[in-house]
Protein backbone atom coordinates (compact mmCIF):
# COMPACT_ATOMS: atom_id res chain seq x y z
CA MET A 1 0.00 0.00 0.00
CA TRP A 2 1.28 3.43 -0.83
CA ARG A 3 0.42 6.75 0.69
CA ALA A 4 0.80 10.27 -0.70
CA PRO A 5 4.28 11.58 -1.05
CA ASP A 6 5.89 13.70 1.63
CA SER A 7 6.60 17.31 1.27
CA ASP A 8 9.84 16.58 -0.51
CA GLY A 9 7.98 14.57 -3.10
CA ALA A 10 9.24 11.15 -1.92
CA SER A 11 6.84 8.49 -1.06
CA VAL A 12 7.41 6.10 1.98
CA PRO A 13 5.94 2.65 2.04
CA ASP A 14 3.31 2.32 4.85
CA THR A 15 4.61 -0.90 6.41
CA VAL A 16 4.33 -2.39 9.95
CA CYS A 17 8.02 -1.80 10.56
CA ALA A 18 7.64 1.81 9.49
CA ARG A 19 4.75 2.34 11.87
CA ARG A 20 6.70 0.76 14.81
CA TYR A 21 9.68 2.90 14.07
CA ARG A 22 7.46 5.98 13.98
CA ASP A 23 5.80 5.01 17.35
CA VAL A 24 9.11 4.48 19.11
CA SER A 25 10.55 7.69 17.80
CA GLU A 26 7.62 9.56 19.25
CA LEU A 27 8.08 8.16 22.87
CA PRO A 28 9.39 10.57 25.51
CA ASP A 29 12.81 10.04 27.08
CA PRO A 30 12.83 7.47 29.99
CA PRO A 31 12.93 8.96 33.51
CA GLN A 32 16.22 8.81 35.45
CA PRO A 33 16.18 6.72 38.72
CA PRO A 34 16.27 8.75 41.94
CA HIS A 35 19.41 8.74 44.11
CA PRO A 36 19.14 6.22 47.01
CA ARG A 37 18.57 7.62 50.60
CA THR A 38 20.54 6.46 53.71
CA ASP A 39 17.42 6.39 55.93
CA ASP A 40 15.82 3.74 53.77
CA HIS A 41 18.91 1.55 53.97
CA ASP A 42 18.93 1.76 57.77
CA GLU A 43 15.26 0.86 57.95
CA VAL A 44 15.74 -2.17 55.72
CA ARG A 45 18.75 -3.29 57.73
CA THR A 46 16.85 -2.88 60.99
CA ARG A 47 13.95 -4.91 59.68
CA LEU A 48 16.28 -7.62 58.42
CA GLU A 49 18.09 -7.76 61.77
CA ALA A 50 14.78 -7.94 63.63
CA ALA A 51 13.62 -10.73 61.35
CA LEU A 52 16.88 -12.62 61.83
CA SER A 53 16.73 -12.04 65.59
CA ALA A 54 13.15 -13.32 65.73
CA ARG A 55 14.13 -16.32 63.65
CA ASP A 56 17.11 -17.03 65.93
CA ARG A 57 14.95 -16.62 69.01
CA VAL A 58 12.35 -19.05 67.67
CA HIS A 59 15.11 -21.47 66.79
CA SER A 60 16.62 -21.13 70.28
CA LEU A 61 13.19 -21.55 71.82
CA LEU A 62 12.59 -24.78 69.92
CA GLU A 63 16.02 -26.08 70.92
CA ALA A 64 15.33 -25.17 74.55
CA VAL A 65 11.97 -26.96 74.56
CA LEU A 66 13.57 -30.08 73.10
CA ALA A 67 16.41 -29.95 75.63
CA ILE A 68 14.05 -29.52 78.59
CA GLY A 69 11.77 -32.31 77.43
CA SER A 70 14.65 -34.77 77.03
CA ASP A 71 15.38 -35.00 80.78
CA LEU A 72 13.32 -36.95 83.32
CA ASP A 73 15.04 -35.72 86.46
CA LEU A 74 12.72 -33.09 87.95
CA THR A 75 15.45 -31.01 89.59
CA ALA A 76 17.47 -31.00 86.36
CA VAL A 77 14.39 -30.01 84.33
CA LEU A 78 13.61 -27.05 86.59
CA ARG A 79 17.17 -25.78 86.70
CA ASN A 80 17.51 -26.17 82.94
CA LEU A 81 14.27 -24.24 82.46
CA ALA A 82 15.44 -21.31 84.61
CA ASP A 83 18.86 -21.22 82.97
CA THR A 84 17.38 -21.39 79.45
CA ALA A 85 14.88 -18.60 80.14
CA ALA A 86 17.66 -16.32 81.37
CA ARG A 87 19.69 -17.01 78.26
CA LEU A 88 16.78 -16.46 75.84
CA VAL A 89 15.89 -13.00 77.14
CA ASP A 90 19.43 -11.99 78.15
CA ALA A 91 18.62 -11.70 81.88
CA LYS A 92 21.26 -11.60 84.60
CA TYR A 93 19.19 -13.43 87.22
CA ALA A 94 16.53 -16.11 87.00
CA GLY A 95 14.53 -17.91 89.66
CA LEU A 96 11.96 -20.68 89.69
CA GLY A 97 9.66 -21.21 92.66
CA VAL A 98 7.76 -24.48 93.11
CA LEU A 99 4.46 -24.03 94.98
CA ASP A 100 3.30 -26.19 97.86
CA ASP A 101 -0.27 -26.93 98.93
CA ASP A 102 -0.44 -23.65 100.86
CA GLY A 103 0.51 -21.50 97.85
CA GLN A 104 4.01 -20.75 99.11
CA PHE A 105 7.29 -21.97 97.72
CA ALA A 106 8.30 -25.48 98.66
CA GLU A 107 11.47 -25.09 96.62
CA PHE A 108 13.29 -22.23 94.92
CA ILE A 109 15.98 -22.55 92.25
CA ASN A 110 18.13 -19.52 91.50
CA VAL A 111 20.36 -18.85 88.50
CA GLY A 112 22.93 -16.07 88.39
CA LEU A 113 23.66 -15.76 92.11
CA SER A 114 27.16 -16.81 93.08
CA ASP A 115 27.64 -19.19 96.00
CA ALA A 116 28.89 -16.31 98.12
CA ASP A 117 25.81 -14.20 97.30
CA ALA A 118 23.49 -17.13 98.00
CA ARG A 119 25.06 -17.69 101.44
CA ARG A 120 24.46 -14.05 102.34
CA VAL A 121 20.72 -14.42 101.79
CA PRO A 122 19.25 -15.74 105.07
CA ARG A 123 16.32 -17.56 103.43
CA PHE A 124 14.99 -18.22 99.97
CA PRO A 125 11.81 -16.41 98.75
CA GLN A 126 8.51 -17.61 100.20
CA GLY A 127 6.24 -16.73 97.25
CA THR A 128 4.52 -13.72 98.80
CA GLY A 129 4.19 -10.07 97.75
CA VAL A 130 4.98 -9.24 94.16
CA LEU A 131 6.17 -12.83 93.60
CA ALA A 132 2.64 -14.09 94.23
CA VAL A 133 1.02 -12.01 91.46
CA PRO A 134 1.63 -14.52 88.60
CA THR A 135 0.15 -17.22 90.84
CA THR A 136 -3.02 -15.38 91.81
CA GLU A 137 -3.69 -13.72 88.45
CA HIS A 138 -2.56 -16.63 86.24
CA ARG A 139 -0.79 -14.27 83.86
CA ALA A 140 2.64 -12.78 83.23
CA LEU A 141 3.80 -9.70 85.10
CA ARG A 142 6.34 -7.36 83.41
CA LEU A 143 7.76 -4.36 85.29
CA ASN A 144 10.36 -1.77 84.44
CA ASP A 145 11.00 -1.29 88.15
CA LEU A 146 9.57 -3.88 90.50
CA ARG A 147 10.08 -1.54 93.45
CA ASP A 148 7.19 0.57 92.12
CA HIS A 149 4.70 -2.28 92.39
CA PRO A 150 2.30 -1.92 95.36
CA SER A 151 2.93 -5.54 96.45
CA PHE A 152 6.70 -5.09 96.65
CA HIS A 153 7.84 -5.42 100.29
CA GLY A 154 11.59 -5.00 99.93
CA PHE A 155 14.55 -7.36 99.58
CA PRO A 156 15.83 -9.64 102.37
CA GLU A 157 19.08 -8.68 104.02
CA GLY A 158 22.03 -9.63 101.82
CA HIS A 159 19.88 -9.88 98.66
CA PRO A 160 21.30 -8.14 95.57
CA ALA A 161 19.35 -5.15 94.25
CA MET A 162 17.10 -5.79 91.24
CA THR A 163 15.02 -3.47 89.04
CA THR A 164 13.57 -4.89 85.82
CA PHE A 165 11.27 -7.85 86.39
CA LEU A 166 9.40 -10.47 84.38
CA GLY A 167 7.33 -13.15 86.10
CA VAL A 168 5.47 -15.93 84.27
CA PRO A 169 3.33 -18.72 85.81
CA ILE A 170 4.13 -22.34 84.92
CA GLN A 171 0.93 -24.33 84.58
CA VAL A 172 0.62 -28.10 84.60
CA ARG A 173 -2.79 -29.59 83.77
CA GLY A 174 -4.49 -26.23 84.34
CA GLU A 175 -2.92 -25.70 87.78
CA VAL A 176 -0.08 -23.37 88.62
CA PHE A 177 2.94 -25.53 89.40
CA GLY A 178 5.26 -22.61 90.07
CA ASN A 179 6.51 -19.30 88.75
CA LEU A 180 9.45 -18.39 86.55
CA TYR A 181 11.12 -15.05 87.31
CA LEU A 182 13.64 -13.04 85.27
CA THR A 183 15.32 -9.87 86.54
CA GLU A 184 17.97 -7.38 85.46
CA LYS A 185 18.11 -7.49 81.68
CA ASN A 186 21.71 -7.06 80.63
CA GLU A 187 23.08 -3.75 79.33
CA GLY A 188 20.37 -1.84 81.19
CA GLY A 189 17.57 -2.81 78.84
CA GLN A 190 13.90 -3.41 79.60
CA PHE A 191 11.94 -6.59 79.10
CA ASP A 192 9.62 -6.14 76.11
CA GLU A 193 6.62 -7.93 74.66
CA ASP A 194 8.82 -10.31 72.70
CA ASP A 195 10.61 -11.34 75.90
CA GLU A 196 7.28 -11.92 77.62
CA ALA A 197 5.96 -13.97 74.68
CA THR A 198 9.16 -16.04 74.54
CA VAL A 199 9.20 -16.86 78.27
CA THR A 200 5.45 -17.56 78.26
CA ALA A 201 5.86 -19.99 75.35
CA LEU A 202 8.81 -21.65 77.11
CA ALA A 203 6.86 -22.01 80.37
CA THR A 204 3.85 -23.45 78.54
CA ALA A 205 5.96 -26.01 76.70
CA ALA A 206 7.90 -26.83 79.89
CA GLY A 207 4.66 -27.76 81.70
CA VAL A 208 4.51 -31.07 79.83
CA ALA A 209 8.15 -31.84 80.62
CA ILE A 210 7.60 -30.99 84.28
CA GLU A 211 4.55 -33.26 84.49
CA ASN A 212 6.50 -36.14 82.95
CA ALA A 213 9.42 -35.56 85.31
CA ARG A 214 7.08 -35.42 88.32
CA LEU A 215 5.41 -38.69 87.36
CA PHE A 216 8.80 -40.31 86.81
CA GLU A 217 10.07 -38.97 90.16
CA GLU A 218 7.02 -40.22 92.03
CA THR A 219 7.29 -43.64 90.39
CA ARG A 220 10.98 -43.87 91.17
CA LEU A 221 10.49 -42.85 94.80
CA ARG A 222 7.58 -45.27 95.19
CA GLU A 223 9.68 -48.11 93.84
CA ARG A 224 12.55 -47.22 96.16
CA TRP A 225 10.19 -46.92 99.10
CA LEU A 226 8.71 -50.37 98.42
CA SER A 227 12.17 -51.84 97.96
CA ALA A 228 13.44 -50.29 101.20
CA SER A 229 10.35 -51.42 103.12
CA THR A 230 10.82 -54.97 101.85
CA GLU A 231 14.50 -54.89 102.78
CA VAL A 232 13.75 -53.65 106.31
CA THR A 233 11.16 -56.39 106.84
CA THR A 234 13.45 -59.07 105.42
CA ARG A 235 16.37 -58.03 107.59
CA LEU A 236 14.31 -57.94 110.76
CA LEU A 237 12.62 -61.27 110.16
CA SER A 238 15.98 -62.80 109.19
CA GLY A 239 17.34 -62.06 112.63
CA ASP A 240 19.51 -58.98 111.94
CA ALA A 241 20.20 -56.75 114.92
CA THR A 242 17.60 -54.04 115.45
CA GLY A 243 20.29 -51.34 115.57
CA ASP A 244 21.65 -52.38 112.17
CA VAL A 245 18.17 -52.33 110.64
CA LEU A 246 17.41 -48.90 112.11
CA GLY A 247 20.69 -47.65 110.67
CA TYR A 248 19.61 -48.91 107.24
CA LEU A 249 16.22 -47.22 107.71
CA ALA A 250 17.87 -43.89 108.57
CA ARG A 251 20.15 -44.06 105.53
CA GLN A 252 17.31 -44.89 103.13
CA ALA A 253 15.05 -42.19 104.59
CA ARG A 254 17.79 -39.57 104.25
CA GLU A 255 18.42 -40.46 100.61
CA MET A 256 14.74 -40.65 99.67
CA ALA A 257 13.99 -37.27 101.27
CA ASP A 258 17.17 -35.64 99.89
CA ALA A 259 18.11 -34.70 103.45
CA ASP A 260 21.60 -34.02 104.79
CA ILE A 261 21.20 -35.91 108.07
CA ALA A 262 18.85 -38.47 109.59
CA VAL A 263 18.68 -39.22 113.31
CA VAL A 264 16.76 -42.01 115.07
CA LEU A 265 15.65 -40.87 118.54
CA LEU A 266 14.70 -43.65 120.95
CA PRO A 267 13.23 -43.22 124.44
CA GLU A 268 15.25 -44.00 127.55
CA PRO A 269 13.62 -46.52 129.94
CA LYS A 270 11.65 -43.95 131.95
CA ASP A 271 10.34 -42.12 128.84
CA HIS A 272 11.61 -38.77 130.14
CA GLU A 273 14.15 -38.23 127.37
CA LEU A 274 14.76 -39.16 123.74
CA VAL A 275 18.30 -40.24 122.93
CA ALA A 276 19.97 -39.98 119.51
CA GLU A 277 20.93 -43.64 119.19
CA ILE A 278 21.49 -43.80 115.42
CA ALA A 279 22.48 -41.11 112.91
CA ASP A 280 23.38 -41.05 109.23
CA GLY A 281 25.06 -38.18 107.44
CA PRO A 282 28.25 -36.09 107.42
CA LEU A 283 27.86 -34.91 111.05
CA ALA A 284 26.34 -38.13 112.40
CA THR A 285 29.04 -38.82 115.00
CA GLU A 286 28.64 -35.35 116.52
CA VAL A 287 24.95 -35.79 117.40
CA LEU A 288 25.03 -39.37 118.70
CA ARG A 289 23.95 -39.81 122.35
CA THR A 290 22.40 -36.31 122.40
CA ARG A 291 19.40 -36.17 124.72
CA LEU A 292 16.16 -34.25 124.20
CA ASP A 293 13.51 -33.72 126.82
CA VAL A 294 10.17 -35.35 125.96
CA ALA A 295 8.07 -32.77 127.78
CA ASP A 296 9.49 -29.54 126.33
CA THR A 297 10.45 -30.29 122.72
CA LEU A 298 8.63 -30.75 119.43
CA CYS A 299 10.38 -34.12 119.07
CA GLY A 300 8.71 -35.14 122.33
CA THR A 301 5.34 -33.93 121.03
CA VAL A 302 5.68 -36.10 117.91
CA TYR A 303 6.72 -39.03 120.11
CA ARG A 304 3.70 -38.61 122.39
CA GLU A 305 1.08 -37.90 119.71
CA GLY A 306 2.42 -40.05 116.87
CA GLU A 307 1.85 -37.44 114.12
CA ALA A 308 4.50 -36.45 111.54
CA MET A 309 5.41 -32.76 111.25
CA THR A 310 7.54 -30.55 108.99
CA VAL A 311 9.52 -27.60 110.34
CA PRO A 312 10.61 -24.79 107.98
CA ASP A 313 13.44 -23.76 110.32
CA LEU A 314 14.79 -25.85 113.21
CA ARG A 315 15.80 -22.66 114.99
CA GLN A 316 12.11 -22.10 115.69
CA ILE A 317 11.96 -25.19 117.91
CA HIS A 318 14.14 -26.53 120.71
CA CYS A 319 16.52 -28.70 118.65
CA PRO A 320 20.03 -27.38 119.37
CA MET A 321 21.83 -30.56 118.32
CA LEU A 322 21.00 -29.72 114.66
CA SER A 323 20.16 -26.00 114.52
CA HIS A 324 23.50 -25.09 116.14
CA ARG A 325 25.27 -27.02 113.38
CA GLY A 326 23.68 -25.10 110.51
CA PHE A 327 20.67 -27.31 109.77
CA ARG A 328 17.47 -25.42 108.95
CA PRO A 329 14.48 -27.27 107.33
CA GLY A 330 13.47 -30.35 109.33
CA MET A 331 10.92 -33.15 109.41
CA LEU A 332 9.83 -35.31 112.35
CA VAL A 333 8.34 -38.75 111.65
CA PRO A 334 7.10 -41.09 114.41
CA LEU A 335 8.24 -44.70 114.37
CA GLY A 336 5.06 -46.61 115.07
CA THR A 337 1.40 -45.88 115.58
CA PRO A 338 -0.13 -43.08 117.68
CA ALA A 339 -1.03 -45.68 120.30
CA HIS A 340 2.46 -47.16 120.42
CA THR A 341 5.29 -44.93 119.18
CA ARG A 342 8.70 -46.53 119.43
CA GLY A 343 10.76 -43.44 118.62
CA VAL A 344 11.16 -40.49 116.25
CA LEU A 345 12.95 -40.20 112.92
CA LEU A 346 14.40 -36.69 112.55
CA LEU A 347 15.56 -35.47 109.13
CA ALA A 348 17.14 -32.10 108.33
CA LYS A 349 18.65 -30.11 105.48
CA SER A 350 21.58 -27.77 105.88
CA GLY A 351 21.52 -24.07 105.03
CA ALA A 352 18.80 -22.21 103.12
CA ARG A 353 17.37 -25.23 101.32
CA ALA A 354 13.72 -25.84 100.51
CA PRO A 355 11.58 -27.34 103.30
CA PHE A 356 10.32 -30.91 103.01
CA ASN A 357 7.07 -31.04 101.04
CA ASP A 358 3.89 -32.87 102.00
CA ALA A 359 4.44 -35.65 99.47
CA THR A 360 7.79 -36.50 101.08
CA ARG A 361 6.26 -36.35 104.54
CA ARG A 362 3.46 -38.73 103.58
CA MET A 363 5.88 -41.13 101.91
CA LEU A 364 8.28 -41.24 104.87
CA ASP A 365 5.39 -41.47 107.33
CA ALA A 366 4.18 -44.60 105.54
CA PHE A 367 7.74 -45.94 105.28
CA ALA A 368 8.39 -45.43 108.99
CA GLY A 369 5.02 -46.96 109.83
CA GLN A 370 5.78 -50.10 107.85
CA ALA A 371 9.21 -50.30 109.45
CA ALA A 372 7.61 -50.04 112.89
CA VAL A 373 5.23 -52.89 112.04
CA ALA A 374 8.22 -54.96 110.95
CA LEU A 375 9.93 -54.15 114.26
CA GLU A 376 6.84 -55.30 116.13
CA LEU A 377 6.76 -58.58 114.19
CA ALA A 378 10.48 -59.12 114.72
CA GLU A 379 10.18 -58.51 118.46
CA ALA A 380 7.20 -60.84 118.67
CA ARG A 381 9.25 -63.50 116.90
CA GLN A 382 12.19 -62.85 119.21
CA ASP A 383 9.89 -63.08 122.25
CA ALA A 384 8.58 -66.41 120.99
CA GLU A 385 12.12 -67.67 120.45
CA ARG A 386 13.15 -66.36 123.86
CA LEU A 387 10.20 -68.16 125.44
CA VAL A 388 11.29 -71.42 123.81
CA VAL A 389 14.83 -70.89 125.11
CA LEU A 390 13.54 -70.12 128.62
CA GLU A 391 11.41 -73.25 128.58
CA ASP A 392 14.44 -75.28 127.53
CA ARG A 393 16.55 -73.64 130.21
CA ASP A 394 13.91 -74.39 132.82
CA ARG A 395 13.73 -78.02 131.69
CA ILE A 396 17.50 -78.37 131.78
CA ALA A 397 17.63 -76.74 135.23
CA LYS A 398 15.02 -79.18 136.53
CA ASP A 399 16.91 -82.14 135.10
CA LEU A 400 20.16 -80.96 136.62
CA HIS A 401 18.57 -80.33 140.00
CA ASP A 402 16.28 -83.32 140.22
CA VAL A 403 18.43 -85.92 138.48
CA VAL A 404 22.09 -85.02 138.09
CA ILE A 405 22.67 -83.36 141.49
CA GLN A 406 20.76 -86.10 143.30
CA ARG A 407 22.83 -88.79 141.63
CA LEU A 408 26.07 -86.99 142.40
CA PHE A 409 24.96 -86.44 145.97
CA ALA A 410 24.07 -90.12 146.31
CA SER A 411 27.44 -91.11 144.85
CA ALA A 412 29.23 -88.81 147.30
CA MET A 413 27.30 -90.29 150.23
CA ASN A 414 28.19 -93.81 149.10
CA LEU A 415 31.86 -92.88 148.90
CA VAL A 416 31.73 -91.32 152.38
CA SER A 417 30.21 -94.50 153.81
CA THR A 418 32.77 -96.57 151.90
CA LEU A 419 35.62 -94.46 153.28
CA ARG A 420 35.19 -96.11 156.70
CA LEU A 421 35.83 -99.49 155.14
CA VAL A 422 39.09 -98.45 153.48
CA ASN A 423 42.10 -99.32 155.60
CA ASP A 424 44.80 -98.11 153.21
CA THR A 425 45.72 -94.51 153.96
CA GLU A 426 46.58 -93.56 150.39
CA ALA A 427 43.36 -95.09 149.06
CA GLY A 428 41.38 -93.27 151.72
CA GLU A 429 42.91 -89.96 150.71
CA ARG A 430 42.00 -90.60 147.10
CA VAL A 431 38.41 -91.38 148.05
CA GLN A 432 38.25 -88.22 150.16
CA ARG A 433 39.56 -86.10 147.28
CA THR A 434 36.91 -87.64 145.04
CA VAL A 435 34.23 -86.75 147.58
CA ASP A 436 35.53 -83.17 147.72
CA ASP A 437 35.51 -82.98 143.94
CA LEU A 438 31.93 -84.20 143.90
CA ASP A 439 30.96 -81.55 146.43
CA GLU A 440 32.61 -78.88 144.28
CA THR A 441 30.84 -80.21 141.19
CA ILE A 442 27.48 -80.14 142.99
CA ARG A 443 28.06 -76.50 144.00
CA GLU A 444 28.94 -75.53 140.42
CA ILE A 445 25.89 -77.33 139.06
CA ARG A 446 23.68 -75.58 141.62
CA SER A 447 25.14 -72.25 140.50
CA THR A 448 24.38 -73.18 136.89
CA VAL A 449 20.82 -74.12 137.85
CA PHE A 450 20.33 -70.67 139.41
CA ALA A 451 21.69 -69.02 136.26
CA LEU A 452 19.43 -71.05 133.98
CA ARG A 453 16.34 -70.10 135.93
CA ARG A 454 17.03 -66.33 135.83
CA PRO A 455 16.46 -64.48 132.50
CA ASP A 456 18.84 -61.70 131.49
CA THR A 457 16.74 -58.70 132.49
CA HIS A 458 19.59 -56.25 133.13
CA GLU A 459 20.49 -53.89 130.32
CA GLY A 460 23.98 -55.44 130.08
CA GLY A 461 22.87 -59.05 130.68
CA SER A 462 23.00 -61.20 133.81
CA LEU A 463 25.47 -60.40 136.62
CA ARG A 464 27.23 -63.68 135.94
CA GLY A 465 27.65 -62.71 132.28
CA ARG A 466 28.89 -59.24 133.19
CA ILE A 467 31.47 -60.72 135.58
CA LEU A 468 32.70 -63.08 132.87
CA ALA A 469 32.83 -60.17 130.38
CA SER A 470 34.89 -58.07 132.83
CA VAL A 471 37.36 -60.91 133.32
CA GLU A 472 37.58 -61.49 129.57
CA ASN A 473 38.22 -57.77 128.94
CA ALA A 474 41.14 -57.87 131.39
CA THR A 475 42.78 -60.84 129.67
CA GLU A 476 44.73 -58.76 127.15
CA THR A 477 46.14 -56.49 129.88
CA LEU A 478 47.00 -59.38 132.19
CA GLY A 479 48.55 -61.54 129.51
CA PHE A 480 46.67 -64.66 130.63
CA HIS A 481 43.12 -65.91 131.26
CA PRO A 482 42.10 -65.77 134.94
CA GLY A 483 40.08 -68.64 136.35
CA VAL A 484 36.49 -67.89 137.40
CA ARG A 485 34.32 -69.77 139.88
CA PHE A 486 30.72 -69.11 140.94
CA ASP A 487 28.89 -70.52 143.94
CA GLY A 488 25.27 -69.84 144.81
CA PRO A 489 22.41 -67.94 143.18
CA ILE A 490 24.49 -65.06 141.81
CA ASP A 491 21.80 -63.67 139.51
CA THR A 492 18.83 -63.96 141.87
CA SER A 493 20.20 -62.99 145.27
CA ILE A 494 22.25 -59.87 144.51
CA SER A 495 20.65 -56.47 144.02
CA VAL A 496 21.47 -54.38 140.97
CA GLU A 497 23.29 -51.75 143.03
CA THR A 498 25.39 -54.31 144.88
CA GLY A 499 26.17 -56.03 141.59
CA ASP A 500 27.39 -52.75 140.08
CA GLN A 501 29.70 -52.20 143.10
CA LEU A 502 30.97 -55.78 142.80
CA LEU A 503 31.89 -55.22 139.15
CA ALA A 504 33.71 -51.97 139.98
CA VAL A 505 35.79 -53.73 142.68
CA LEU A 506 36.55 -56.67 140.38
CA LYS A 507 37.78 -54.38 137.58
CA GLU A 508 39.99 -52.45 140.02
CA ALA A 509 41.44 -55.67 141.46
CA LEU A 510 42.29 -57.08 138.02
CA SER A 511 43.79 -53.72 137.02
CA ASN A 512 46.03 -53.75 140.11
CA ILE A 513 47.24 -57.26 139.26
CA ALA A 514 48.11 -56.17 135.73
CA ARG A 515 49.98 -53.06 136.90
CA HIS A 516 51.76 -54.21 140.07
CA ALA A 517 51.65 -57.95 140.73
CA ARG A 518 53.82 -59.42 137.92
CA ALA A 519 51.58 -62.47 138.18
CA THR A 520 51.31 -65.42 135.80
CA GLU A 521 47.89 -66.58 136.95
CA ALA A 522 44.91 -65.31 138.89
CA HIS A 523 41.66 -66.78 140.19
CA VAL A 524 38.32 -65.04 140.72
CA SER A 525 35.68 -66.54 142.99
CA VAL A 526 32.19 -65.14 143.59
CA SER A 527 29.97 -66.87 146.13
CA VAL A 528 26.72 -65.90 147.81
CA ASP A 529 24.74 -67.31 150.71
CA ALA A 530 24.11 -65.04 153.68
CA ARG A 531 26.94 -62.82 152.45
CA LEU A 532 28.33 -61.98 149.04
CA THR A 533 32.04 -62.76 148.84
CA LEU A 534 34.42 -61.75 146.07
CA ARG A 535 37.83 -63.37 146.26
CA VAL A 536 40.63 -62.45 143.84
CA ALA A 537 43.96 -64.26 144.23
CA ASP A 538 47.19 -64.08 142.21
CA ASP A 539 50.69 -65.60 142.32
CA GLY A 540 52.54 -62.29 141.99
CA ILE A 541 55.17 -60.56 144.12
CA GLY A 542 52.76 -59.77 146.93
CA ILE A 543 51.94 -56.54 148.73
CA SER A 544 54.93 -56.18 151.06
CA GLY A 545 56.55 -52.79 150.66
CA HIS A 546 53.59 -51.32 148.76
CA ARG A 547 51.55 -48.48 150.25
CA PRO A 548 47.79 -48.66 149.76
CA GLY A 549 46.66 -46.47 146.84
CA SER A 550 43.39 -44.76 145.97
CA GLY A 551 42.12 -47.91 144.22
CA LEU A 552 42.31 -50.00 147.40
CA ARG A 553 40.79 -47.17 149.46
CA ASN A 554 37.86 -47.02 147.03
CA MET A 555 37.28 -50.76 147.37
CA VAL A 556 37.24 -50.44 151.17
CA GLU A 557 34.83 -47.48 150.98
CA ARG A 558 32.48 -49.39 148.66
CA ALA A 559 32.38 -52.30 151.10
CA ARG A 560 31.77 -50.09 154.15
CA ALA A 561 29.04 -48.12 152.35
CA LEU A 562 27.20 -51.40 151.75
CA GLY A 563 27.72 -52.60 155.32
CA GLY A 564 30.58 -54.97 154.53
CA GLU A 565 34.36 -55.19 154.72
CA CYS A 566 37.38 -55.49 152.46
CA ALA A 567 40.77 -57.01 153.23
CA VAL A 568 43.98 -57.57 151.28
CA GLU A 569 46.48 -60.13 152.61
CA PRO A 570 49.31 -62.33 151.41
CA GLY A 571 48.42 -65.70 149.90
CA GLU A 572 49.34 -68.99 151.59
CA THR A 573 51.87 -69.86 148.87
CA GLY A 574 52.73 -66.31 147.80
CA GLY A 575 51.00 -63.61 145.88
CA THR A 576 48.05 -61.59 147.12
CA VAL A 577 44.45 -62.37 148.09
CA LEU A 578 41.64 -59.80 148.04
CA ARG A 579 38.46 -60.58 150.01
CA TRP A 580 35.48 -58.25 149.54
CA VAL A 581 32.48 -59.27 151.64
CA VAL A 582 29.12 -57.41 151.71
CA PRO A 583 25.43 -58.20 152.23
CA PRO A 584 23.88 -59.20 148.90
CA ARG A 585 20.95 -56.78 149.22
CA ARG A 586 21.73 -54.18 151.88
CA ALA A 587 21.16 -50.61 150.74
CA PRO A 588 23.71 -47.90 151.57
CA GLY A 589 23.18 -46.16 154.89
CA PRO A 590 22.53 -42.42 155.26
CA GLY A 591 25.50 -40.38 154.21
CA ALA A 592 27.43 -43.44 153.05
CA GLU A 593 27.11 -43.50 149.30
CA PRO A 594 29.51 -45.80 147.44
CA PRO A 595 32.16 -44.13 145.26
CA ARG A 596 31.29 -43.69 141.61
């Protein structure tokens, strides 16, 4: 197609290319880009940094949740939670309070305080004041200055100063388990909404981990409790000594309750005092044999009423044997039932540790109750066995008295009647010695019969047994075994007080032989009829040239105080003979008390 010629007379073909060329040539010049501004760059960089920071925080939060959920130890979970929260929001201090049934803290874990700072704080927080707000309101509390809050009541003495504050409740199954606190954001910053959202998310996710750890802890403690109860019962019924079993009980109770010391208090015979008979822990030896009055102490109250109690601070009660050694939280558990309490189990923690919670108290109360039942069963079994032994002893004593002694006596009488028919002097002497030996044998058997018929009711056993034990204890010092002879009802005719004086004189006499006599043998004879006679003889160098010492004067005073006498004289063939003769049951006269 052709169009009319241009003004110069030339014609231009009207093609598509020509039209495109003409359109492009008619377009205006393209606009030049504006120069970039510095403010826009800063804004973009800030947004990118915020996005990266948020991404890193979410990533750290996810890692923290996974780390917390991977542990089943409750204490480790709680400490890890507090430490992670402080790291996520860049806080200097963190604390986690675990609530008890009364809404106060049963335990408090701190992060950021040095050991020296922690020792300067007299007690850990109790969950009151501003710390109770997350619990009561079930929501987070964020403050730029916690001192401005109306519920703030000040810091305890020795507590470091704190300003910025973020508190978040930790809920488990819809109930507040505890509170997580963050204070003092580093570099003087303030906790913001992102910090609150991060810690709230962490606390929410940690609730599941805490519940799992609690269930695991309760299961583990229950298994250990059952195992320990079974072991206590098995040991008692297997015949183990009661003291050894109570020592095992104290050790298991201390470990299960996470205590620093456990003490078993048992009543003395008159029930006026409780005595620390068994202890387990670092300072156990220092508290043994400590006495507490039953009437004026909380330990005595638990012993009388049979109800377990927890004590936040042992300084609040009369328990100097532990409070003076730095122990603070305590728990008192009766051993037995309210109607028949056998003693008290006392547990304590050192320093500003968390008090024992109700779950631990209930567990140890049941554990101690089962142990007391096992003790009852073991004592009943021991009583039954003792009764069998006593019946056997009584039967043996009757046989010895009614059969053996009568036969020996008849044999001696026959020999005496036969002696008149013996004309040979040497044969007669032999018969007479045989008769004398039979008489001595009859006396020894009679003494044995008396011993068999008397049970060991004294705390240290029978008097005969205590005399033999005293002689045996002196063997190493003497260098030889002294001979011992008994004649008469030693265990039935002598009062406890006279028996104690007899033992004191015997020990002094054997000690004198070991120190001064240079003897190679010694003989102890104890006989009783109308008078109690102690005779101690040795083959030493004798007493000539030796002045009486305080030991001999004490023996004489003991005899005179009991209405008797004491004499020391040379033996017939050398050595020394001590004779100490007193009434078997005469009480000391007025003003004449035996030496102690």
